[in-house]
Amino acid sequence: MLKFDVSRVLLMKGIGRPGVYLRKLGYTQGKASRLVNGTTASINLYDLERICLRLNCTPNDLLDWSPSDSEDDIANHALQSIRRKEAAVGLVALVQGLPVEKMQAIEKLILENIGEKNAK
């Protein structure tokens, strides 16, 4: 079963109040709630594109697949690429308790990875 999971990306981006964030994007409280809770039955392509542009992600980042039954769990099937086996962890929460020295090392790695020339 495919599931739309915007909460995972919002958490990874450090957005602590996803419903409020989506309401600021213009969604009604009801629609924002359905999107955050994963209870939306469908999403139109305009909304999908709008969310992807704001979060700098792809539609695949917002989808989660889990096989409906064991017969659908085919090892090399393309849907395996959007199967989320681990819970999302926000980067901020992950590094928050680290010593500053380790945070600076992580910052340097991130800056090098995204192509910044002024890594500290």
Protein backbone atom coordinates (compact mmCIF):
# COMPACT_ATOMS: atom_id res chain seq x y z
CA MET A 1 0.00 0.00 0.00
CA LEU A 2 1.26 3.45 -0.90
CA LYS A 3 0.96 6.13 1.74
CA PHE A 4 1.56 9.87 1.50
CA ASP A 5 3.89 10.76 4.40
CA VAL A 6 4.70 14.47 4.50
CA SER A 7 5.32 14.32 8.26
CA ARG A 8 8.54 12.35 7.75
CA VAL A 9 10.09 15.06 5.55
CA LEU A 10 8.82 17.86 7.78
CA LEU A 11 10.44 16.19 10.79
CA MET A 12 13.72 15.74 8.91
CA LYS A 13 13.60 19.44 7.98
CA GLY A 14 13.15 20.39 11.64
CA ILE A 15 9.60 21.67 11.23
CA GLY A 16 8.13 21.00 14.65
CA ARG A 17 4.52 22.00 13.97
CA PRO A 18 3.65 20.48 10.60
CA GLY A 19 -0.03 21.41 10.71
CA VAL A 20 0.79 25.07 11.31
CA TYR A 21 3.41 24.97 8.54
CA LEU A 22 0.92 23.54 6.03
CA ARG A 23 -1.74 26.07 7.07
CA LYS A 24 0.78 28.86 6.36
CA LEU A 25 1.09 27.37 2.86
CA GLY A 26 -2.64 27.93 2.44
CA TYR A 27 -4.13 24.55 3.33
CA THR A 28 -7.28 24.42 5.42
CA GLN A 29 -7.00 22.97 8.91
CA GLY A 30 -8.84 19.84 7.79
CA LYS A 31 -6.64 19.21 4.77
CA ALA A 32 -3.45 19.99 6.71
CA SER A 33 -4.55 17.56 9.41
CA ARG A 34 -5.24 14.79 6.86
CA LEU A 35 -1.87 15.38 5.18
CA VAL A 36 0.02 15.31 8.49
CA ASN A 37 -1.82 12.27 9.83
CA GLY A 38 -1.45 10.31 6.60
CA THR A 39 -5.21 9.90 6.23
CA THR A 40 -5.57 11.68 2.90
CA ALA A 41 -6.97 9.35 0.25
CA SER A 42 -5.44 11.31 -2.62
CA ILE A 43 -3.39 14.37 -3.42
CA ASN A 44 -3.57 16.31 -6.65
CA LEU A 45 -0.43 16.97 -8.66
CA TYR A 46 -0.60 20.72 -8.06
CA ASP A 47 -0.47 20.21 -4.29
CA LEU A 48 2.24 17.58 -4.62
CA GLU A 49 4.39 19.93 -6.69
CA ARG A 50 3.76 22.83 -4.30
CA ILE A 51 4.83 20.78 -1.27
CA CYS A 52 7.89 19.42 -3.09
CA LEU A 53 8.99 22.92 -4.14
CA ARG A 54 8.66 24.27 -0.58
CA LEU A 55 10.44 21.31 1.02
CA ASN A 56 13.07 20.86 -1.71
CA CYS A 57 12.18 17.20 -2.14
CA THR A 58 10.80 14.80 -4.73
CA PRO A 59 7.43 13.03 -4.73
CA ASN A 60 9.27 9.82 -3.84
CA ASP A 61 10.48 11.47 -0.63
CA LEU A 62 6.84 11.95 0.37
CA LEU A 63 5.69 8.41 -0.39
CA ASP A 64 6.03 5.30 1.73
CA TRP A 65 5.30 1.81 0.44
CA SER A 66 4.59 -1.28 2.42
CA PRO A 67 3.38 -4.46 0.75
CA SER A 68 -0.31 -5.20 1.22
CA ASP A 69 0.49 -8.89 1.58
CA SER A 70 3.58 -11.09 1.50
CA GLU A 71 3.07 -11.97 -2.18
CA ASP A 72 3.60 -8.30 -3.08
CA ASP A 73 6.95 -8.13 -1.25
CA ILE A 74 9.20 -8.75 -4.27
CA ALA A 75 12.87 -8.21 -3.41
CA ASN A 76 14.01 -6.32 -6.51
CA HIS A 77 10.78 -4.49 -7.31
CA ALA A 78 11.12 -0.75 -7.97
CA LEU A 79 8.72 0.07 -5.13
CA GLN A 80 11.35 -1.15 -2.66
CA SER A 81 13.14 2.17 -3.23
CA ILE A 82 10.35 4.04 -1.40
CA ARG A 83 9.91 1.52 1.38
CA ARG A 84 10.77 3.27 4.64
CA LYS A 85 12.18 0.76 7.09
CA GLU A 86 13.47 3.21 9.67
CA ALA A 87 11.77 6.08 11.42
CA ALA A 88 12.67 9.59 10.39
CA VAL A 89 14.89 11.54 12.75
CA GLY A 90 15.19 15.27 12.50
CA LEU A 91 18.78 16.39 12.06
CA VAL A 92 18.39 19.04 14.76
CA ALA A 93 17.16 16.46 17.29
CA LEU A 94 19.95 14.09 16.28
CA VAL A 95 22.80 16.54 16.90
CA GLN A 96 21.26 18.67 19.63
CA GLY A 97 22.96 16.88 22.51
CA LEU A 98 26.39 16.61 20.87
CA PRO A 99 29.38 18.66 22.03
CA VAL A 100 30.01 21.79 19.94
CA GLU A 101 33.23 20.30 18.53
CA LYS A 102 31.31 17.37 17.01
CA MET A 103 28.59 19.70 15.74
CA GLN A 104 31.22 21.77 13.97
CA ALA A 105 32.67 18.63 12.36
CA ILE A 106 29.20 17.64 11.16
CA GLU A 107 28.58 21.16 9.87
CA LYS A 108 31.83 20.99 7.90
CA LEU A 109 30.84 17.63 6.37
CA ILE A 110 27.44 18.98 5.39
CA LEU A 111 28.89 22.11 3.83
CA GLU A 112 31.42 20.06 1.87
CA ASN A 113 28.68 17.71 0.72
CA ILE A 114 26.43 20.49 -0.57
CA GLY A 115 29.29 22.21 -2.36
CA GLU A 116 29.91 25.21 -0.15
CA LYS A 117 33.44 26.62 -0.54
CA ASN A 118 33.60 28.25 2.89
CA ALA A 119 33.49 25.13 5.08
CA LYS A 120 34.75 25.97 8.54
